[in-house]
PDB file of N, CA and C in Angstrom:
ATOM      1  N   MET A   1     -10.173 -50.172 -22.826  1.00  0.00           N
ATOM      2  CA  MET A   1     -10.133 -49.984 -21.657  1.00  0.00           C
ATOM      3  C   MET A   1      -8.879 -50.655 -20.950  1.00  0.00           C
ATOM      4  N   THR A   2      -8.346 -49.872 -20.306  1.00  0.00           N
ATOM      5  CA  THR A   2      -7.119 -50.594 -19.333  1.00  0.00           C
ATOM      6  C   THR A   2      -7.668 -50.839 -18.100  1.00  0.00           C
ATOM      7  N   ALA A   3      -6.858 -51.829 -17.469  1.00  0.00           N
ATOM      8  CA  ALA A   3      -7.003 -52.510 -16.226  1.00  0.00           C
ATOM      9  C   ALA A   3      -6.681 -51.807 -15.060  1.00  0.00           C
ATOM     10  N   THR A   4      -6.221 -50.499 -15.063  1.00  0.00           N
ATOM     11  CA  THR A   4      -5.784 -50.059 -13.904  1.00  0.00           C
ATOM     12  C   THR A   4      -6.451 -50.431 -12.548  1.00  0.00           C
ATOM     13  N   LYS A   5      -7.628 -50.489 -12.706  1.00  0.00           N
ATOM     14  CA  LYS A   5      -8.403 -50.755 -11.672  1.00  0.00           C
ATOM     15  C   LYS A   5      -8.180 -51.823 -10.946  1.00  0.00           C
ATOM     16  N   ILE A   6      -7.613 -52.734 -11.761  1.00  0.00           N
ATOM     17  CA  ILE A   6      -7.271 -54.090 -10.835  1.00  0.00           C
ATOM     18  C   ILE A   6      -5.991 -54.495 -10.988  1.00  0.00           C
ATOM     19  N   GLY A   7      -4.955 -53.440 -11.336  1.00  0.00           N
ATOM     20  CA  GLY A   7      -3.641 -53.366 -11.062  1.00  0.00           C
ATOM     21  C   GLY A   7      -2.993 -54.335 -12.164  1.00  0.00           C
ATOM     22  N   LYS A   8      -3.430 -54.457 -13.390  1.00  0.00           N
ATOM     23  CA  LYS A   8      -2.944 -55.236 -14.238  1.00  0.00           C
ATOM     24  C   LYS A   8      -2.288 -54.692 -15.533  1.00  0.00           C
ATOM     25  N   ILE A   9      -1.294 -54.873 -15.909  1.00  0.00           N
ATOM     26  CA  ILE A   9      -0.884 -54.323 -17.478  1.00  0.00           C
ATOM     27  C   ILE A   9      -1.402 -55.097 -18.782  1.00  0.00           C
ATOM     28  N   CYS A  10      -2.553 -54.835 -19.127  1.00  0.00           N
ATOM     29  CA  CYS A  10      -3.219 -55.613 -20.020  1.00  0.00           C
ATOM     30  C   CYS A  10      -4.344 -54.445 -20.917  1.00  0.00           C
ATOM     31  N   ILE A  11      -4.832 -54.870 -21.656  1.00  0.00           N
ATOM     32  CA  ILE A  11      -6.199 -54.459 -22.375  1.00  0.00           C
ATOM     33  C   ILE A  11      -7.508 -55.294 -21.950  1.00  0.00           C
ATOM     34  N   VAL A  12      -8.426 -54.848 -21.352  1.00  0.00           N
ATOM     35  CA  VAL A  12      -9.446 -55.522 -21.281  1.00  0.00           C
ATOM     36  C   VAL A  12     -10.781 -54.916 -21.871  1.00  0.00           C
ATOM     37  N   ASN A  13     -11.660 -55.892 -21.902  1.00  0.00           N
ATOM     38  CA  ASN A  13     -13.183 -55.429 -22.530  1.00  0.00           C
ATOM     39  C   ASN A  13     -12.918 -54.953 -24.116  1.00  0.00           C
ATOM     40  N   CYS A  14     -12.106 -55.771 -24.617  1.00  0.00           N
ATOM     41  CA  CYS A  14     -11.915 -55.608 -26.193  1.00  0.00           C
ATOM     42  C   CYS A  14     -12.676 -56.242 -27.049  1.00  0.00           C
ATOM     43  N   ALA A  15     -14.009 -55.901 -27.730  1.00  0.00           N
ATOM     44  CA  ALA A  15     -14.582 -56.791 -28.383  1.00  0.00           C
ATOM     45  C   ALA A  15     -14.217 -57.086 -29.693  1.00  0.00           C
ATOM     46  N   ASP A  16     -13.044 -56.166 -30.212  1.00  0.00           N
ATOM     47  CA  ASP A  16     -12.761 -56.103 -31.566  1.00  0.00           C
ATOM     48  C   ASP A  16     -11.545 -57.126 -31.618  1.00  0.00           C
ATOM     49  N   LEU A  17     -11.043 -57.627 -30.521  1.00  0.00           N
ATOM     50  CA  LEU A  17      -9.803 -58.491 -30.470  1.00  0.00           C
ATOM     51  C   LEU A  17     -10.154 -59.958 -30.577  1.00  0.00           C
ATOM     52  N   PHE A  18      -9.419 -60.300 -31.715  1.00  0.00           N
ATOM     53  CA  PHE A  18      -9.837 -62.173 -31.880  1.00  0.00           C
ATOM     54  C   PHE A  18      -8.632 -62.768 -31.679  1.00  0.00           C
ATOM     55  N   VAL A  19      -8.529 -63.734 -30.725  1.00  0.00           N
ATOM     56  CA  VAL A  19      -7.473 -64.472 -30.401  1.00  0.00           C
ATOM     57  C   VAL A  19      -7.372 -65.726 -30.837  1.00  0.00           C
ATOM     58  N   ASN A  20      -6.541 -66.384 -31.618  1.00  0.00           N
ATOM     59  CA  ASN A  20      -6.592 -67.829 -31.983  1.00  0.00           C
ATOM     60  C   ASN A  20      -5.429 -68.470 -31.505  1.00  0.00           C
ATOM     61  N   GLU A  21      -5.729 -69.092 -30.492  1.00  0.00           N
ATOM     62  CA  GLU A  21      -4.626 -70.038 -29.723  1.00  0.00           C
ATOM     63  C   GLU A  21      -3.974 -71.066 -30.342  1.00  0.00           C
ATOM     64  N   ASP A  22      -4.595 -71.666 -31.202  1.00  0.00           N
ATOM     65  CA  ASP A  22      -3.974 -72.559 -32.228  1.00  0.00           C
ATOM     66  C   ASP A  22      -2.813 -72.231 -33.150  1.00  0.00           C
ATOM     67  N   ARG A  23      -2.939 -71.007 -33.658  1.00  0.00           N
ATOM     68  CA  ARG A  23      -1.940 -70.200 -34.531  1.00  0.00           C
ATOM     69  C   ARG A  23      -1.179 -69.450 -33.635  1.00  0.00           C
ATOM     70  N   LYS A  24      -1.460 -69.029 -32.444  1.00  0.00           N
ATOM     71  CA  LYS A  24      -0.610 -68.387 -31.548  1.00  0.00           C
ATOM     72  C   LYS A  24      -0.596 -66.923 -31.964  1.00  0.00           C
ATOM     73  N   GLU A  25      -1.772 -66.567 -32.650  1.00  0.00           N
ATOM     74  CA  GLU A  25      -1.788 -65.089 -33.024  1.00  0.00           C
ATOM     75  C   GLU A  25      -3.014 -64.605 -32.841  1.00  0.00           C
ATOM     76  N   CYS A  26      -3.300 -63.142 -32.675  1.00  0.00           N
ATOM     77  CA  CYS A  26      -4.309 -62.342 -32.585  1.00  0.00           C
ATOM     78  C   CYS A  26      -4.756 -61.339 -33.717  1.00  0.00           C
ATOM     79  N   SER A  27      -5.794 -60.962 -33.494  1.00  0.00           N
ATOM     80  CA  SER A  27      -5.653 -59.822 -34.691  1.00  0.00           C
ATOM     81  C   SER A  27      -6.817 -58.590 -34.295  1.00  0.00           C
ATOM     82  N   ILE A  28      -6.523 -57.800 -34.441  1.00  0.00           N
ATOM     83  CA  ILE A  28      -7.502 -56.606 -34.222  1.00  0.00           C
ATOM     84  C   ILE A  28      -7.227 -55.343 -35.355  1.00  0.00           C
ATOM     85  N   GLY A  29      -8.364 -54.777 -35.570  1.00  0.00           N
ATOM     86  CA  GLY A  29      -8.270 -53.598 -36.375  1.00  0.00           C
ATOM     87  C   GLY A  29      -7.702 -53.783 -37.772  1.00  0.00           C
ATOM     88  N   GLY A  30      -7.678 -55.001 -38.226  1.00  0.00           N
ATOM     89  CA  GLY A  30      -7.062 -55.459 -39.588  1.00  0.00           C
ATOM     90  C   GLY A  30      -5.447 -55.656 -39.644  1.00  0.00           C
ATOM     91  N   ASN A  31      -5.051 -55.616 -38.217  1.00  0.00           N
ATOM     92  CA  ASN A  31      -3.671 -56.163 -38.123  1.00  0.00           C
ATOM     93  C   ASN A  31      -3.550 -57.456 -37.187  1.00  0.00           C
ATOM     94  N   THR A  32      -2.507 -58.374 -37.701  1.00  0.00           N
ATOM     95  CA  THR A  32      -2.553 -59.397 -37.260  1.00  0.00           C
ATOM     96  C   THR A  32      -0.808 -59.376 -36.416  1.00  0.00           C
ATOM     97  N   PHE A  33      -0.976 -59.996 -34.999  1.00  0.00           N
ATOM     98  CA  PHE A  33       0.258 -60.028 -34.489  1.00  0.00           C
ATOM     99  C   PHE A  33       0.372 -61.490 -34.254  1.00  0.00           C
ATOM    100  N   LYS A  34       1.812 -62.003 -34.024  1.00  0.00           N
ATOM    101  CA  LYS A  34       1.849 -63.604 -33.613  1.00  0.00           C
ATOM    102  C   LYS A  34       2.990 -63.502 -32.549  1.00  0.00           C
ATOM    103  N   VAL A  35       2.882 -64.568 -31.988  1.00  0.00           N
ATOM    104  CA  VAL A  35       4.011 -64.472 -30.346  1.00  0.00           C
ATOM    105  C   VAL A  35       5.248 -64.073 -30.890  1.00  0.00           C
ATOM    106  N   GLY A  36       5.937 -63.252 -30.101  1.00  0.00           N
ATOM    107  CA  GLY A  36       7.263 -62.823 -30.592  1.00  0.00           C
ATOM    108  C   GLY A  36       7.370 -61.409 -30.743  1.00  0.00           C
ATOM    109  N   ASP A  37       6.224 -61.089 -31.629  1.00  0.00           N
ATOM    110  CA  ASP A  37       6.117 -59.604 -32.112  1.00  0.00           C
ATOM    111  C   ASP A  37       6.472 -58.681 -31.098  1.00  0.00           C
ATOM    112  N   ASP A  38       7.224 -57.558 -31.275  1.00  0.00           N
ATOM    113  CA  ASP A  38       7.098 -56.461 -30.483  1.00  0.00           C
ATOM    114  C   ASP A  38       5.986 -55.589 -30.754  1.00  0.00           C
ATOM    115  N   ILE A  39       5.095 -55.190 -29.496  1.00  0.00           N
ATOM    116  CA  ILE A  39       4.018 -54.428 -29.524  1.00  0.00           C
ATOM    117  C   ILE A  39       4.317 -53.615 -28.246  1.00  0.00           C
ATOM    118  N   SER A  40       3.400 -52.137 -28.392  1.00  0.00           N
ATOM    119  CA  SER A  40       3.337 -51.221 -27.449  1.00  0.00           C
ATOM    120  C   SER A  40       1.929 -50.859 -26.811  1.00  0.00           C
ATOM    121  N   ILE A  41       1.893 -50.811 -25.687  1.00  0.00           N
ATOM    122  CA  ILE A  41       0.332 -50.717 -25.219  1.00  0.00           C
ATOM    123  C   ILE A  41       0.435 -49.389 -24.182  1.00  0.00           C
ATOM    124  N   ASP A  42      -0.567 -48.421 -24.825  1.00  0.00           N
ATOM    125  CA  ASP A  42      -0.657 -47.116 -24.256  1.00  0.00           C
ATOM    126  C   ASP A  42      -1.589 -47.287 -23.069  1.00  0.00           C
ATOM    127  N   GLY A  43      -1.144 -47.323 -21.824  1.00  0.00           N
ATOM    128  CA  GLY A  43      -2.164 -47.972 -20.591  1.00  0.00           C
ATOM    129  C   GLY A  43      -2.764 -46.691 -20.343  1.00  0.00           C
ATOM    130  N   HIS A  44      -2.639 -45.565 -20.820  1.00  0.00           N
ATOM    131  CA  HIS A  44      -3.535 -44.444 -20.277  1.00  0.00           C
ATOM    132  C   HIS A  44      -4.556 -44.120 -21.534  1.00  0.00           C
ATOM    133  N   ARG A  45      -4.488 -44.633 -22.817  1.00  0.00           N
ATOM    134  CA  ARG A  45      -5.488 -44.634 -23.737  1.00  0.00           C
ATOM    135  C   ARG A  45      -6.180 -45.927 -24.048  1.00  0.00           C
ATOM    136  N   GLY A  46      -5.384 -46.588 -23.895  1.00  0.00           N
ATOM    137  CA  GLY A  46      -5.779 -48.291 -24.109  1.00  0.00           C
ATOM    138  C   GLY A  46      -5.201 -48.408 -25.699  1.00  0.00           C
ATOM    139  N   ASN A  47      -4.444 -47.907 -26.154  1.00  0.00           N
ATOM    140  CA  ASN A  47      -4.192 -48.126 -27.828  1.00  0.00           C
ATOM    141  C   ASN A  47      -3.136 -49.300 -27.745  1.00  0.00           C
ATOM    142  N   ILE A  48      -3.146 -49.988 -28.965  1.00  0.00           N
ATOM    143  CA  ILE A  48      -1.901 -50.823 -29.170  1.00  0.00           C
ATOM    144  C   ILE A  48      -1.263 -50.514 -30.412  1.00  0.00           C
ATOM    145  N   TYR A  49       0.240 -50.443 -30.248  1.00  0.00           N
ATOM    146  CA  TYR A  49       1.203 -50.144 -31.288  1.00  0.00           C
ATOM    147  C   TYR A  49       1.971 -51.343 -31.744  1.00  0.00           C
ATOM    148  N   ARG A  50       2.233 -51.396 -32.961  1.00  0.00           N
ATOM    149  CA  ARG A  50       3.290 -52.470 -33.643  1.00  0.00           C
ATOM    150  C   ARG A  50       4.592 -51.716 -33.167  1.00  0.00           C
ATOM    151  N   GLY A  51       5.519 -52.592 -32.777  1.00  0.00           N
ATOM    152  CA  GLY A  51       6.709 -52.089 -32.654  1.00  0.00           C
ATOM    153  C   GLY A  51       6.826 -51.635 -31.097  1.00  0.00           C
ATOM    154  N   SER A  52       8.332 -51.318 -30.893  1.00  0.00           N
ATOM    155  CA  SER A  52       8.703 -50.665 -29.373  1.00  0.00           C
ATOM    156  C   SER A  52       8.870 -49.335 -29.347  1.00  0.00           C
ATOM    157  N   TYR A  53       8.433 -48.461 -28.365  1.00  0.00           N
ATOM    158  CA  TYR A  53       8.541 -47.057 -28.439  1.00  0.00           C
ATOM    159  C   TYR A  53       9.230 -46.778 -26.987  1.00  0.00           C
ATOM    160  N   PRO A  54       9.985 -45.734 -26.659  1.00  0.00           N
ATOM    161  CA  PRO A  54      10.581 -44.942 -25.676  1.00  0.00           C
ATOM    162  C   PRO A  54       9.278 -44.781 -24.644  1.00  0.00           C
ATOM    163  N   ILE A  55       9.380 -45.347 -23.172  1.00  0.00           N
ATOM    164  CA  ILE A  55       8.588 -44.952 -22.332  1.00  0.00           C
ATOM    165  C   ILE A  55       8.668 -43.673 -21.442  1.00  0.00           C
ATOM    166  N   LYS A  56       7.625 -43.398 -21.436  1.00  0.00           N
ATOM    167  CA  LYS A  56       7.587 -42.020 -20.660  1.00  0.00           C
ATOM    168  C   LYS A  56       6.821 -42.342 -19.306  1.00  0.00           C
ATOM    169  N   THR A  57       7.573 -42.207 -18.216  1.00  0.00           N
ATOM    170  CA  THR A  57       6.747 -42.416 -17.128  1.00  0.00           C
ATOM    171  C   THR A  57       6.160 -41.404 -16.236  1.00  0.00           C
ATOM    172  N   THR A  58       5.070 -41.649 -15.346  1.00  0.00           N
ATOM    173  CA  THR A  58       4.588 -40.271 -14.871  1.00  0.00           C
ATOM    174  C   THR A  58       4.293 -41.076 -13.120  1.00  0.00           C
ATOM    175  N   GLU A  59       3.873 -40.076 -12.443  1.00  0.00           N
ATOM    176  CA  GLU A  59       3.358 -40.323 -11.088  1.00  0.00           C
ATOM    177  C   GLU A  59       2.187 -41.050 -10.915  1.00  0.00           C
ATOM    178  N   ILE A  60       1.568 -41.818 -10.438  1.00  0.00           N
ATOM    179  CA  ILE A  60       0.483 -42.218  -9.963  1.00  0.00           C
ATOM    180  C   ILE A  60      -0.295 -41.692  -8.569  1.00  0.00           C
ATOM    181  N   ALA A  61      -1.444 -40.957  -8.801  1.00  0.00           N
ATOM    182  CA  ALA A  61      -1.904 -40.418  -7.647  1.00  0.00           C
ATOM    183  C   ALA A  61      -3.368 -41.104  -7.257  1.00  0.00           C
ATOM    184  N   LEU A  62      -3.568 -41.278  -6.090  1.00  0.00           N
ATOM    185  CA  LEU A  62      -4.996 -41.783  -5.748  1.00  0.00           C
ATOM    186  C   LEU A  62      -6.060 -40.864  -5.824  1.00  0.00           C
ATOM    187  N   ASP A  63      -7.259 -41.317  -6.370  1.00  0.00           N
ATOM    188  CA  ASP A  63      -8.283 -40.593  -6.724  1.00  0.00           C
ATOM    189  C   ASP A  63      -9.339 -41.025  -5.203  1.00  0.00           C
ATOM    190  N   THR A  64      -9.297 -40.082  -4.160  1.00  0.00           N
ATOM    191  CA  THR A  64      -9.842 -40.505  -3.206  1.00  0.00           C
ATOM    192  C   THR A  64     -11.322 -40.820  -3.240  1.00  0.00           C
ATOM    193  N   ARG A  65     -12.103 -39.973  -4.004  1.00  0.00           N
ATOM    194  CA  ARG A  65     -13.349 -40.350  -4.340  1.00  0.00           C
ATOM    195  C   ARG A  65     -13.938 -41.609  -4.655  1.00  0.00           C
ATOM    196  N   ASN A  66     -13.143 -42.061  -5.651  1.00  0.00           N
ATOM    197  CA  ASN A  66     -13.376 -43.267  -6.326  1.00  0.00           C
ATOM    198  C   ASN A  66     -12.413 -44.456  -5.716  1.00  0.00           C
ATOM    199  N   LYS A  67     -11.321 -44.204  -5.011  1.00  0.00           N
ATOM    200  CA  LYS A  67     -10.218 -45.093  -4.491  1.00  0.00           C
ATOM    201  C   LYS A  67      -9.726 -45.998  -5.579  1.00  0.00           C
ATOM    202  N   TYR A  68      -9.610 -45.168  -6.900  1.00  0.00           N
ATOM    203  CA  TYR A  68      -8.917 -45.874  -7.935  1.00  0.00           C
ATOM    204  C   TYR A  68      -7.664 -45.162  -8.329  1.00  0.00           C
ATOM    205  N   PRO A  69      -6.537 -45.889  -8.561  1.00  0.00           N
ATOM    206  CA  PRO A  69      -5.300 -45.108  -9.050  1.00  0.00           C
ATOM    207  C   PRO A  69      -5.698 -44.614 -10.538  1.00  0.00           C
ATOM    208  N   PHE A  70      -5.195 -43.256 -10.799  1.00  0.00           N
ATOM    209  CA  PHE A  70      -5.086 -42.822 -11.985  1.00  0.00           C
ATOM    210  C   PHE A  70      -3.937 -42.040 -12.322  1.00  0.00           C
ATOM    211  N   ASP A  71      -3.558 -41.760 -13.634  1.00  0.00           N
ATOM    212  CA  ASP A  71      -2.233 -41.033 -13.884  1.00  0.00           C
ATOM    213  C   ASP A  71      -2.363 -39.457 -13.420  1.00  0.00           C
ATOM    214  N   ALA A  72      -1.511 -39.031 -13.019  1.00  0.00           N
ATOM    215  CA  ALA A  72      -1.815 -37.654 -12.644  1.00  0.00           C
ATOM    216  C   ALA A  72      -1.324 -36.427 -13.466  1.00  0.00           C
ATOM    217  N   CYS A  73      -1.193 -36.853 -14.698  1.00  0.00           N
ATOM    218  CA  CYS A  73      -0.807 -35.801 -15.563  1.00  0.00           C
ATOM    219  C   CYS A  73      -1.559 -36.391 -17.106  1.00  0.00           C
ATOM    220  N   GLU A  74      -2.062 -35.856 -17.851  1.00  0.00           N
ATOM    221  CA  GLU A  74      -2.242 -36.198 -19.061  1.00  0.00           C
ATOM    222  C   GLU A  74      -1.285 -36.559 -20.341  1.00  0.00           C
ATOM    223  N   GLY A  75      -0.097 -36.844 -19.604  1.00  0.00           N
ATOM    224  CA  GLY A  75       0.864 -37.363 -20.477  1.00  0.00           C
ATOM    225  C   GLY A  75       0.575 -38.568 -21.476  1.00  0.00           C
ATOM    226  N   GLY A  76       0.788 -39.928 -21.043  1.00  0.00           N
ATOM    227  CA  GLY A  76       0.710 -41.001 -21.913  1.00  0.00           C
ATOM    228  C   GLY A  76       1.631 -41.412 -22.240  1.00  0.00           C
ATOM    229  N   VAL A  77       2.064 -42.432 -23.259  1.00  0.00           N
ATOM    230  CA  VAL A  77       3.555 -42.872 -23.503  1.00  0.00           C
ATOM    231  C   VAL A  77       4.299 -41.975 -24.446  1.00  0.00           C
TER     232      VAL A  77
END
């Protein structure tokens, strides 16, 4: 789940993520990432990818029923 409701670029509520602060690494889904590794986060779907990828931008619209921002299109990254 992404944290768009609180205006942060991060992944929250991720029970499968293990963070080892002493070793400066984290693991999820059998993949280990260390400080300095390039990762990409799909803020629309909440997926994490190894490496860097081109960014596709979208306009943000306001959902007046829930008063939370949401992507105006089904795009993603």
